[in-house]
Amino acid sequence: MQTNRRTDYFLRGVARLAPGVSIQQAEADLCAVMDQIKRENPRETFEQSVKVEPFRLRTTASLQPLLFTLLAAVGFVLLIACANITNLLLVKASARSRGTAYSAFRARP
């Protein structure tokens, strides 16, 4: 007969906090559940701990400098693109004004 072992500590859980529940309250509730599991399984040795942390912090903490660098690079490329479009519009407007001035000059008798 195979028993369910509760010593696999490589698993992580992801959950959304209910409205109005703080991280400390969630961690206290999970610690209570962990204590109950320990009481129900006295022969098992538990080395696990419970830690509640924001998902965004957990996933992007090591990538934050890289993400800010990427954001700066994208902003710089956008700035260059806007400058290029502005330059093209100015050249087009300049050529148009020259043609208008020339045709007005030739229309005089």
PDB file of N, CA and C in Angstrom:
ATOM      1  N   MET A   1       0.833  -1.183   0.000  1.00  0.00           N
ATOM      2  CA  MET A   1       0.000   0.000   0.000  1.00  0.00           C
ATOM      3  C   MET A   1       0.878   1.246   0.000  1.00  0.00           C
ATOM      4  N   GLN A   2       0.602   2.164  -0.910  1.00  0.00           N
ATOM      5  CA  GLN A   2       1.384   3.384  -1.032  1.00  0.00           C
ATOM      6  C   GLN A   2       0.744   4.489  -0.205  1.00  0.00           C
ATOM      7  N   THR A   3       1.559   5.158   0.555  1.00  0.00           N
ATOM      8  CA  THR A   3       1.040   6.270   1.351  1.00  0.00           C
ATOM      9  C   THR A   3       1.397   7.583   0.665  1.00  0.00           C
ATOM     10  N   ASN A   4       0.611   8.564   0.913  1.00  0.00           N
ATOM     11  CA  ASN A   4       0.894   9.895   0.351  1.00  0.00           C
ATOM     12  C   ASN A   4       1.919  10.588   1.235  1.00  0.00           C
ATOM     13  N   ARG A   5       3.068  10.819   0.671  1.00  0.00           N
ATOM     14  CA  ARG A   5       4.105  11.522   1.423  1.00  0.00           C
ATOM     15  C   ARG A   5       3.898  13.025   1.286  1.00  0.00           C
ATOM     16  N   ARG A   6       4.113  13.715   2.368  1.00  0.00           N
ATOM     17  CA  ARG A   6       3.936  15.163   2.368  1.00  0.00           C
ATOM     18  C   ARG A   6       5.270  15.876   2.563  1.00  0.00           C
ATOM     19  N   THR A   7       6.318  15.262   2.090  1.00  0.00           N
ATOM     20  CA  THR A   7       7.639  15.872   2.257  1.00  0.00           C
ATOM     21  C   THR A   7       8.189  16.437   0.964  1.00  0.00           C
ATOM     22  N   ASP A   8       7.388  16.473  -0.078  1.00  0.00           N
ATOM     23  CA  ASP A   8       7.843  17.056  -1.338  1.00  0.00           C
ATOM     24  C   ASP A   8       7.746  18.573  -1.227  1.00  0.00           C
ATOM     25  N   TYR A   9       8.886  19.217  -1.116  1.00  0.00           N
ATOM     26  CA  TYR A   9       8.882  20.649  -0.872  1.00  0.00           C
ATOM     27  C   TYR A   9       9.311  21.453  -2.094  1.00  0.00           C
ATOM     28  N   PHE A  10       9.329  20.845  -3.239  1.00  0.00           N
ATOM     29  CA  PHE A  10       9.732  21.556  -4.441  1.00  0.00           C
ATOM     30  C   PHE A  10       8.566  22.264  -5.113  1.00  0.00           C
ATOM     31  N   LEU A  11       7.382  22.102  -4.597  1.00  0.00           N
ATOM     32  CA  LEU A  11       6.205  22.697  -5.216  1.00  0.00           C
ATOM     33  C   LEU A  11       5.953  24.101  -4.689  1.00  0.00           C
ATOM     34  N   ARG A  12       5.446  24.930  -5.564  1.00  0.00           N
ATOM     35  CA  ARG A  12       5.069  26.285  -5.180  1.00  0.00           C
ATOM     36  C   ARG A  12       3.620  26.502  -5.582  1.00  0.00           C
ATOM     37  N   GLY A  13       2.932  27.233  -4.789  1.00  0.00           N
ATOM     38  CA  GLY A  13       1.536  27.535  -5.089  1.00  0.00           C
ATOM     39  C   GLY A  13       1.377  28.995  -5.476  1.00  0.00           C
ATOM     40  N   VAL A  14       0.438  29.249  -6.351  1.00  0.00           N
ATOM     41  CA  VAL A  14       0.126  30.612  -6.759  1.00  0.00           C
ATOM     42  C   VAL A  14      -1.362  30.812  -6.520  1.00  0.00           C
ATOM     43  N   ALA A  15      -1.690  31.895  -5.837  1.00  0.00           N
ATOM     44  CA  ALA A  15      -3.094  32.171  -5.534  1.00  0.00           C
ATOM     45  C   ALA A  15      -3.324  33.672  -5.497  1.00  0.00           C
ATOM     46  N   ARG A  16      -4.567  34.033  -5.654  1.00  0.00           N
ATOM     47  CA  ARG A  16      -4.942  35.449  -5.564  1.00  0.00           C
ATOM     48  C   ARG A  16      -5.552  35.672  -4.183  1.00  0.00           C
ATOM     49  N   LEU A  17      -5.134  36.759  -3.554  1.00  0.00           N
ATOM     50  CA  LEU A  17      -5.681  37.082  -2.244  1.00  0.00           C
ATOM     51  C   LEU A  17      -7.114  37.583  -2.388  1.00  0.00           C
ATOM     52  N   ALA A  18      -7.938  37.198  -1.452  1.00  0.00           N
ATOM     53  CA  ALA A  18      -9.310  37.688  -1.434  1.00  0.00           C
ATOM     54  C   ALA A  18      -9.296  39.183  -1.106  1.00  0.00           C
ATOM     55  N   PRO A  19     -10.281  39.920  -1.560  1.00  0.00           N
ATOM     56  CA  PRO A  19     -10.328  41.356  -1.247  1.00  0.00           C
ATOM     57  C   PRO A  19     -10.329  41.588   0.262  1.00  0.00           C
ATOM     58  N   GLY A  20      -9.473  42.488   0.695  1.00  0.00           N
ATOM     59  CA  GLY A  20      -9.402  42.832   2.113  1.00  0.00           C
ATOM     60  C   GLY A  20      -8.469  41.962   2.934  1.00  0.00           C
ATOM     61  N   VAL A  21      -7.836  40.957   2.338  1.00  0.00           N
ATOM     62  CA  VAL A  21      -6.918  40.080   3.066  1.00  0.00           C
ATOM     63  C   VAL A  21      -5.490  40.560   2.814  1.00  0.00           C
ATOM     64  N   SER A  22      -4.750  40.769   3.895  1.00  0.00           N
ATOM     65  CA  SER A  22      -3.366  41.229   3.749  1.00  0.00           C
ATOM     66  C   SER A  22      -2.429  40.030   3.583  1.00  0.00           C
ATOM     67  N   ILE A  23      -1.216  40.327   3.194  1.00  0.00           N
ATOM     68  CA  ILE A  23      -0.213  39.270   3.014  1.00  0.00           C
ATOM     69  C   ILE A  23       0.073  38.591   4.354  1.00  0.00           C
ATOM     70  N   GLN A  24       0.116  39.369   5.417  1.00  0.00           N
ATOM     71  CA  GLN A  24       0.381  38.794   6.744  1.00  0.00           C
ATOM     72  C   GLN A  24      -0.746  37.850   7.181  1.00  0.00           C
ATOM     73  N   GLN A  25      -1.984  38.217   6.897  1.00  0.00           N
ATOM     74  CA  GLN A  25      -3.114  37.348   7.253  1.00  0.00           C
ATOM     75  C   GLN A  25      -3.063  36.041   6.457  1.00  0.00           C
ATOM     76  N   ALA A  26      -2.741  36.148   5.168  1.00  0.00           N
ATOM     77  CA  ALA A  26      -2.658  34.941   4.339  1.00  0.00           C
ATOM     78  C   ALA A  26      -1.531  34.039   4.824  1.00  0.00           C
ATOM     79  N   GLU A  27      -0.408  34.639   5.170  1.00  0.00           N
ATOM     80  CA  GLU A  27       0.708  33.830   5.663  1.00  0.00           C
ATOM     81  C   GLU A  27       0.362  33.162   6.992  1.00  0.00           C
ATOM     82  N   ALA A  28      -0.336  33.868   7.874  1.00  0.00           N
ATOM     83  CA  ALA A  28      -0.753  33.271   9.150  1.00  0.00           C
ATOM     84  C   ALA A  28      -1.709  32.101   8.922  1.00  0.00           C
ATOM     85  N   ASP A  29      -2.644  32.256   7.976  1.00  0.00           N
ATOM     86  CA  ASP A  29      -3.573  31.165   7.663  1.00  0.00           C
ATOM     87  C   ASP A  29      -2.832  29.955   7.102  1.00  0.00           C
ATOM     88  N   LEU A  30      -1.883  30.194   6.214  1.00  0.00           N
ATOM     89  CA  LEU A  30      -1.125  29.084   5.639  1.00  0.00           C
ATOM     90  C   LEU A  30      -0.239  28.405   6.688  1.00  0.00           C
ATOM     91  N   CYS A  31       0.308  29.177   7.616  1.00  0.00           N
ATOM     92  CA  CYS A  31       1.092  28.570   8.706  1.00  0.00           C
ATOM     93  C   CYS A  31       0.202  27.686   9.577  1.00  0.00           C
ATOM     94  N   ALA A  32      -1.040  28.122   9.809  1.00  0.00           N
ATOM     95  CA  ALA A  32      -1.974  27.306  10.587  1.00  0.00           C
ATOM     96  C   ALA A  32      -2.276  26.005   9.864  1.00  0.00           C
ATOM     97  N   VAL A  33      -2.456  26.063   8.550  1.00  0.00           N
ATOM     98  CA  VAL A  33      -2.698  24.848   7.765  1.00  0.00           C
ATOM     99  C   VAL A  33      -1.475  23.934   7.827  1.00  0.00           C
ATOM    100  N   MET A  34      -0.289  24.514   7.715  1.00  0.00           N
ATOM    101  CA  MET A  34       0.944  23.719   7.777  1.00  0.00           C
ATOM    102  C   MET A  34       1.100  23.053   9.154  1.00  0.00           C
ATOM    103  N   ASP A  35       0.767  23.777  10.201  1.00  0.00           N
ATOM    104  CA  ASP A  35       0.829  23.186  11.550  1.00  0.00           C
ATOM    105  C   ASP A  35      -0.154  22.029  11.685  1.00  0.00           C
ATOM    106  N   GLN A  36      -1.341  22.173  11.109  1.00  0.00           N
ATOM    107  CA  GLN A  36      -2.325  21.094  11.163  1.00  0.00           C
ATOM    108  C   GLN A  36      -1.814  19.868  10.395  1.00  0.00           C
ATOM    109  N   ILE A  37      -1.193  20.079   9.264  1.00  0.00           N
ATOM    110  CA  ILE A  37      -0.630  18.955   8.498  1.00  0.00           C
ATOM    111  C   ILE A  37       0.453  18.267   9.307  1.00  0.00           C
ATOM    112  N   LYS A  38       1.271  19.016  10.005  1.00  0.00           N
ATOM    113  CA  LYS A  38       2.333  18.431  10.843  1.00  0.00           C
ATOM    114  C   LYS A  38       1.733  17.615  11.986  1.00  0.00           C
ATOM    115  N   ARG A  39       0.641  18.112  12.582  1.00  0.00           N
ATOM    116  CA  ARG A  39       0.003  17.380  13.676  1.00  0.00           C
ATOM    117  C   ARG A  39      -0.641  16.088  13.180  1.00  0.00           C
ATOM    118  N   GLU A  40      -1.207  16.130  11.960  1.00  0.00           N
ATOM    119  CA  GLU A  40      -1.869  14.952  11.412  1.00  0.00           C
ATOM    120  C   GLU A  40      -0.875  13.892  10.940  1.00  0.00           C
ATOM    121  N   ASN A  41       0.347  14.266  10.687  1.00  0.00           N
ATOM    122  CA  ASN A  41       1.368  13.342  10.188  1.00  0.00           C
ATOM    123  C   ASN A  41       2.611  13.428  11.082  1.00  0.00           C
ATOM    124  N   PRO A  42       2.532  12.879  12.289  1.00  0.00           N
ATOM    125  CA  PRO A  42       3.653  13.031  13.231  1.00  0.00           C
ATOM    126  C   PRO A  42       4.909  12.260  12.813  1.00  0.00           C
ATOM    127  N   ARG A  43       4.773  11.223  11.996  1.00  0.00           N
ATOM    128  CA  ARG A  43       5.950  10.427  11.609  1.00  0.00           C
ATOM    129  C   ARG A  43       6.756  11.086  10.497  1.00  0.00           C
ATOM    130  N   GLU A  44       6.166  12.014   9.796  1.00  0.00           N
ATOM    131  CA  GLU A  44       6.867  12.691   8.700  1.00  0.00           C
ATOM    132  C   GLU A  44       7.720  13.822   9.266  1.00  0.00           C
ATOM    133  N   THR A  45       8.843  14.052   8.641  1.00  0.00           N
ATOM    134  CA  THR A  45       9.673  15.193   9.029  1.00  0.00           C
ATOM    135  C   THR A  45       9.446  16.307   8.013  1.00  0.00           C
ATOM    136  N   PHE A  46       9.070  17.437   8.511  1.00  0.00           N
ATOM    137  CA  PHE A  46       8.771  18.576   7.658  1.00  0.00           C
ATOM    138  C   PHE A  46       9.852  19.625   7.810  1.00  0.00           C
ATOM    139  N   GLU A  47      10.434  20.013   6.714  1.00  0.00           N
ATOM    140  CA  GLU A  47      11.408  21.095   6.722  1.00  0.00           C
ATOM    141  C   GLU A  47      10.906  22.277   5.898  1.00  0.00           C
ATOM    142  N   GLN A  48       9.669  22.198   5.479  1.00  0.00           N
ATOM    143  CA  GLN A  48       9.120  23.255   4.658  1.00  0.00           C
ATOM    144  C   GLN A  48       8.698  24.440   5.508  1.00  0.00           C
ATOM    145  N   SER A  49       8.622  25.552   4.851  1.00  0.00           N
ATOM    146  CA  SER A  49       8.091  26.738   5.504  1.00  0.00           C
ATOM    147  C   SER A  49       7.111  27.400   4.545  1.00  0.00           C
ATOM    148  N   VAL A  50       6.335  28.284   5.062  1.00  0.00           N
ATOM    149  CA  VAL A  50       5.339  28.980   4.265  1.00  0.00           C
ATOM    150  C   VAL A  50       5.785  30.432   4.141  1.00  0.00           C
ATOM    151  N   LYS A  51       5.754  30.927   2.920  1.00  0.00           N
ATOM    152  CA  LYS A  51       6.121  32.316   2.687  1.00  0.00           C
ATOM    153  C   LYS A  51       5.182  32.872   1.626  1.00  0.00           C
ATOM    154  N   VAL A  52       4.534  33.975   1.928  1.00  0.00           N
ATOM    155  CA  VAL A  52       3.636  34.631   0.986  1.00  0.00           C
ATOM    156  C   VAL A  52       4.320  35.906   0.514  1.00  0.00           C
ATOM    157  N   GLU A  53       4.412  36.050  -0.794  1.00  0.00           N
ATOM    158  CA  GLU A  53       5.037  37.245  -1.363  1.00  0.00           C
ATOM    159  C   GLU A  53       4.317  37.629  -2.645  1.00  0.00           C
ATOM    160  N   PRO A  54       4.368  38.895  -3.015  1.00  0.00           N
ATOM    161  CA  PRO A  54       3.693  39.326  -4.241  1.00  0.00           C
ATOM    162  C   PRO A  54       4.282  38.635  -5.469  1.00  0.00           C
ATOM    163  N   PHE A  55       3.408  38.218  -6.370  1.00  0.00           N
ATOM    164  CA  PHE A  55       3.824  37.472  -7.555  1.00  0.00           C
ATOM    165  C   PHE A  55       4.727  38.314  -8.449  1.00  0.00           C
ATOM    166  N   ARG A  56       4.387  39.587  -8.610  1.00  0.00           N
ATOM    167  CA  ARG A  56       5.181  40.453  -9.466  1.00  0.00           C
ATOM    168  C   ARG A  56       6.610  40.575  -8.938  1.00  0.00           C
ATOM    169  N   LEU A  57       6.746  40.692  -7.630  1.00  0.00           N
ATOM    170  CA  LEU A  57       8.086  40.776  -7.040  1.00  0.00           C
ATOM    171  C   LEU A  57       8.861  39.485  -7.264  1.00  0.00           C
ATOM    172  N   ARG A  58       8.193  38.378  -7.118  1.00  0.00           N
ATOM    173  CA  ARG A  58       8.847  37.073  -7.258  1.00  0.00           C
ATOM    174  C   ARG A  58       9.324  36.828  -8.694  1.00  0.00           C
ATOM    175  N   THR A  59       8.521  37.250  -9.663  1.00  0.00           N
ATOM    176  CA  THR A  59       8.845  36.932 -11.046  1.00  0.00           C
ATOM    177  C   THR A  59       9.767  37.942 -11.699  1.00  0.00           C
ATOM    178  N   THR A  60       9.710  39.204 -11.291  1.00  0.00           N
ATOM    179  CA  THR A  60      10.491  40.221 -11.989  1.00  0.00           C
ATOM    180  C   THR A  60      11.599  40.851 -11.165  1.00  0.00           C
ATOM    181  N   ALA A  61      11.837  40.387  -9.965  1.00  0.00           N
ATOM    182  CA  ALA A  61      12.850  41.022  -9.117  1.00  0.00           C
ATOM    183  C   ALA A  61      14.231  40.982  -9.760  1.00  0.00           C
ATOM    184  N   SER A  62      14.621  39.857 -10.320  1.00  0.00           N
ATOM    185  CA  SER A  62      15.949  39.753 -10.917  1.00  0.00           C
ATOM    186  C   SER A  62      16.004  40.391 -12.302  1.00  0.00           C
ATOM    187  N   LEU A  63      14.850  40.589 -12.925  1.00  0.00           N
ATOM    188  CA  LEU A  63      14.806  41.158 -14.273  1.00  0.00           C
ATOM    189  C   LEU A  63      14.562  42.653 -14.296  1.00  0.00           C
ATOM    190  N   GLN A  64      14.346  43.267 -13.143  1.00  0.00           N
ATOM    191  CA  GLN A  64      13.960  44.665 -13.101  1.00  0.00           C
ATOM    192  C   GLN A  64      14.976  45.597 -13.775  1.00  0.00           C
ATOM    193  N   PRO A  65      16.286  45.478 -13.534  1.00  0.00           N
ATOM    194  CA  PRO A  65      17.223  46.362 -14.248  1.00  0.00           C
ATOM    195  C   PRO A  65      17.182  46.157 -15.758  1.00  0.00           C
ATOM    196  N   LEU A  66      17.044  44.917 -16.190  1.00  0.00           N
ATOM    197  CA  LEU A  66      16.971  44.639 -17.618  1.00  0.00           C
ATOM    198  C   LEU A  66      15.701  45.230 -18.227  1.00  0.00           C
ATOM    199  N   LEU A  67      14.599  45.139 -17.517  1.00  0.00           N
ATOM    200  CA  LEU A  67      13.341  45.694 -18.025  1.00  0.00           C
ATOM    201  C   LEU A  67      13.407  47.216 -18.135  1.00  0.00           C
ATOM    202  N   PHE A  68      14.047  47.881 -17.171  1.00  0.00           N
ATOM    203  CA  PHE A  68      14.194  49.331 -17.254  1.00  0.00           C
ATOM    204  C   PHE A  68      15.109  49.720 -18.412  1.00  0.00           C
ATOM    205  N   THR A  69      16.153  48.946 -18.657  1.00  0.00           N
ATOM    206  CA  THR A  69      17.037  49.210 -19.791  1.00  0.00           C
ATOM    207  C   THR A  69      16.277  49.034 -21.102  1.00  0.00           C
ATOM    208  N   LEU A  70      15.476  47.979 -21.189  1.00  0.00           N
ATOM    209  CA  LEU A  70      14.671  47.745 -22.381  1.00  0.00           C
ATOM    210  C   LEU A  70      13.662  48.870 -22.591  1.00  0.00           C
ATOM    211  N   LEU A  71      13.050  49.340 -21.518  1.00  0.00           N
ATOM    212  CA  LEU A  71      12.105  50.450 -21.609  1.00  0.00           C
ATOM    213  C   LEU A  71      12.797  51.707 -22.123  1.00  0.00           C
ATOM    214  N   ALA A  72      14.011  51.978 -21.637  1.00  0.00           N
ATOM    215  CA  ALA A  72      14.761  53.146 -22.103  1.00  0.00           C
ATOM    216  C   ALA A  72      15.117  53.013 -23.584  1.00  0.00           C
ATOM    217  N   ALA A  73      15.512  51.816 -24.011  1.00  0.00           N
ATOM    218  CA  ALA A  73      15.863  51.600 -25.420  1.00  0.00           C
ATOM    219  C   ALA A  73      14.646  51.783 -26.320  1.00  0.00           C
ATOM    220  N   VAL A  74      13.515  51.259 -25.918  1.00  0.00           N
ATOM    221  CA  VAL A  74      12.286  51.408 -26.709  1.00  0.00           C
ATOM    222  C   VAL A  74      11.889  52.887 -26.778  1.00  0.00           C
ATOM    223  N   GLY A  75      12.000  53.586 -25.670  1.00  0.00           N
ATOM    224  CA  GLY A  75      11.699  55.022 -25.666  1.00  0.00           C
ATOM    225  C   GLY A  75      12.626  55.802 -26.589  1.00  0.00           C
ATOM    226  N   PHE A  76      13.907  55.432 -26.606  1.00  0.00           N
ATOM    227  CA  PHE A  76      14.868  56.100 -27.479  1.00  0.00           C
ATOM    228  C   PHE A  76      14.551  55.844 -28.950  1.00  0.00           C
ATOM    229  N   VAL A  77      14.210  54.605 -29.295  1.00  0.00           N
ATOM    230  CA  VAL A  77      13.835  54.283 -30.676  1.00  0.00           C
ATOM    231  C   VAL A  77      12.566  55.039 -31.072  1.00  0.00           C
ATOM    232  N   LEU A  78      11.610  55.153 -30.166  1.00  0.00           N
ATOM    233  CA  LEU A  78      10.391  55.916 -30.441  1.00  0.00           C
ATOM    234  C   LEU A  78      10.709  57.384 -30.662  1.00  0.00           C
ATOM    235  N   LEU A  79      11.620  57.929 -29.881  1.00  0.00           N
ATOM    236  CA  LEU A  79      12.034  59.317 -30.046  1.00  0.00           C
ATOM    237  C   LEU A  79      12.686  59.532 -31.409  1.00  0.00           C
ATOM    238  N   ILE A  80      13.536  58.618 -31.844  1.00  0.00           N
ATOM    239  CA  ILE A  80      14.168  58.715 -33.166  1.00  0.00           C
ATOM    240  C   ILE A  80      13.118  58.637 -34.273  1.00  0.00           C
ATOM    241  N   ALA A  81      12.151  57.733 -34.128  1.00  0.00           N
ATOM    242  CA  ALA A  81      11.097  57.606 -35.133  1.00  0.00           C
ATOM    243  C   ALA A  81      10.276  58.894 -35.224  1.00  0.00           C
ATOM    244  N   CYS A  82       9.954  59.490 -34.102  1.00  0.00           N
ATOM    245  CA  CYS A  82       9.195  60.746 -34.107  1.00  0.00           C
ATOM    246  C   CYS A  82      10.004  61.864 -34.759  1.00  0.00           C
ATOM    247  N   ALA A  83      11.301  61.913 -34.477  1.00  0.00           N
ATOM    248  CA  ALA A  83      12.169  62.928 -35.095  1.00  0.00           C
ATOM    249  C   ALA A  83      12.223  62.728 -36.608  1.00  0.00           C
ATOM    250  N   ASN A  84      12.304  61.487 -37.062  1.00  0.00           N
ATOM    251  CA  ASN A  84      12.333  61.216 -38.502  1.00  0.00           C
ATOM    252  C   ASN A  84      11.032  61.641 -39.177  1.00  0.00           C
ATOM    253  N   ILE A  85       9.909  61.338 -38.565  1.00  0.00           N
ATOM    254  CA  ILE A  85       8.616  61.713 -39.141  1.00  0.00           C
ATOM    255  C   ILE A  85       8.474  63.231 -39.174  1.00  0.00           C
ATOM    256  N   THR A  86       8.906  63.896 -38.112  1.00  0.00           N
ATOM    257  CA  THR A  86       8.870  65.359 -38.082  1.00  0.00           C
ATOM    258  C   THR A  86       9.721  65.943 -39.200  1.00  0.00           C
ATOM    259  N   ASN A  87      10.899  65.395 -39.395  1.00  0.00           N
ATOM    260  CA  ASN A  87      11.794  65.856 -40.455  1.00  0.00           C
ATOM    261  C   ASN A  87      11.151  65.666 -41.823  1.00  0.00           C
ATOM    262  N   LEU A  88      10.546  64.520 -42.074  1.00  0.00           N
ATOM    263  CA  LEU A  88       9.880  64.279 -43.360  1.00  0.00           C
ATOM    264  C   LEU A  88       8.732  65.257 -43.597  1.00  0.00           C
ATOM    265  N   LEU A  89       7.950  65.535 -42.571  1.00  0.00           N
ATOM    266  CA  LEU A  89       6.840  66.472 -42.713  1.00  0.00           C
ATOM    267  C   LEU A  89       7.333  67.897 -42.963  1.00  0.00           C
ATOM    268  N   LEU A  90       8.438  68.285 -42.314  1.00  0.00           N
ATOM    269  CA  LEU A  90       9.002  69.618 -42.548  1.00  0.00           C
ATOM    270  C   LEU A  90       9.529  69.760 -43.969  1.00  0.00           C
ATOM    271  N   VAL A  91      10.189  68.719 -44.476  1.00  0.00           N
ATOM    272  CA  VAL A  91      10.702  68.759 -45.852  1.00  0.00           C
ATOM    273  C   VAL A  91       9.548  68.840 -46.837  1.00  0.00           C
ATOM    274  N   LYS A  92       8.509  68.084 -46.599  1.00  0.00           N
ATOM    275  CA  LYS A  92       7.339  68.098 -47.482  1.00  0.00           C
ATOM    276  C   LYS A  92       6.667  69.472 -47.459  1.00  0.00           C
ATOM    277  N   ALA A  93       6.529  70.057 -46.288  1.00  0.00           N
ATOM    278  CA  ALA A  93       5.915  71.384 -46.169  1.00  0.00           C
ATOM    279  C   ALA A  93       6.800  72.445 -46.814  1.00  0.00           C
ATOM    280  N   SER A  94       8.086  72.321 -46.676  1.00  0.00           N
ATOM    281  CA  SER A  94       9.014  73.268 -47.287  1.00  0.00           C
ATOM    282  C   SER A  94       8.925  73.197 -48.809  1.00  0.00           C
ATOM    283  N   ALA A  95       8.893  71.994 -49.370  1.00  0.00           N
ATOM    284  CA  ALA A  95       8.781  71.843 -50.822  1.00  0.00           C
ATOM    285  C   ALA A  95       7.450  72.391 -51.316  1.00  0.00           C
ATOM    286  N   ARG A  96       6.410  72.204 -50.573  1.00  0.00           N
ATOM    287  CA  ARG A  96       5.095  72.688 -50.962  1.00  0.00           C
ATOM    288  C   ARG A  96       5.050  74.219 -50.944  1.00  0.00           C
ATOM    289  N   SER A  97       5.681  74.826 -49.950  1.00  0.00           N
ATOM    290  CA  SER A  97       5.652  76.288 -49.863  1.00  0.00           C
ATOM    291  C   SER A  97       6.469  76.915 -50.985  1.00  0.00           C
ATOM    292  N   ARG A  98       7.562  76.270 -51.391  1.00  0.00           N
ATOM    293  CA  ARG A  98       8.359  76.771 -52.517  1.00  0.00           C
ATOM    294  C   ARG A  98       7.537  76.728 -53.798  1.00  0.00           C
ATOM    295  N   GLY A  99       6.811  75.649 -54.014  1.00  0.00           N
ATOM    296  CA  GLY A  99       5.979  75.532 -55.216  1.00  0.00           C
ATOM    297  C   GLY A  99       4.862  76.545 -55.227  1.00  0.00           C
ATOM    298  N   THR A 100       4.282  76.822 -54.086  1.00  0.00           N
ATOM    299  CA  THR A 100       3.205  77.800 -53.981  1.00  0.00           C
ATOM    300  C   THR A 100       3.740  79.200 -54.238  1.00  0.00           C
ATOM    301  N   ALA A 101       4.884  79.530 -53.687  1.00  0.00           N
ATOM    302  CA  ALA A 101       5.477  80.850 -53.893  1.00  0.00           C
ATOM    303  C   ALA A 101       5.876  81.024 -55.356  1.00  0.00           C
ATOM    304  N   TYR A 102       6.393  80.012 -55.981  1.00  0.00           N
ATOM    305  CA  TYR A 102       6.816  80.091 -57.376  1.00  0.00           C
ATOM    306  C   TYR A 102       5.623  80.300 -58.295  1.00  0.00           C
ATOM    307  N   SER A 103       4.527  79.553 -58.061  1.00  0.00           N
ATOM    308  CA  SER A 103       3.351  79.688 -58.913  1.00  0.00           C
ATOM    309  C   SER A 103       2.686  81.042 -58.706  1.00  0.00           C
ATOM    310  N   ALA A 104       2.719  81.583 -57.530  1.00  0.00           N
ATOM    311  CA  ALA A 104       2.142  82.914 -57.277  1.00  0.00           C
ATOM    312  C   ALA A 104       2.979  83.975 -57.966  1.00  0.00           C
ATOM    313  N   PHE A 105       4.276  83.778 -58.004  1.00  0.00           N
ATOM    314  CA  PHE A 105       5.174  84.736 -58.643  1.00  0.00           C
ATOM    315  C   PHE A 105       4.974  84.739 -60.156  1.00  0.00           C
ATOM    316  N   ARG A 106       4.778  83.568 -60.741  1.00  0.00           N
ATOM    317  CA  ARG A 106       4.595  83.481 -62.193  1.00  0.00           C
ATOM    318  C   ARG A 106       3.218  83.960 -62.639  1.00  0.00           C
ATOM    319  N   ALA A 107       2.241  83.949 -61.770  1.00  0.00           N
ATOM    320  CA  ALA A 107       0.885  84.333 -62.150  1.00  0.00           C
ATOM    321  C   ALA A 107       0.747  85.837 -62.351  1.00  0.00           C
ATOM    322  N   ARG A 108       1.651  86.619 -61.829  1.00  0.00           N
ATOM    323  CA  ARG A 108       1.563  88.082 -61.989  1.00  0.00           C
ATOM    324  C   ARG A 108       1.927  88.481 -63.416  1.00  0.00           C
ATOM    325  N   PRO A 109       1.174  89.412 -63.974  1.00  0.00           N
ATOM    326  CA  PRO A 109       1.495  89.876 -65.337  1.00  0.00           C
ATOM    327  C   PRO A 109       2.603  90.901 -65.377  1.00  0.00           C
TER     328      PRO A 109
END
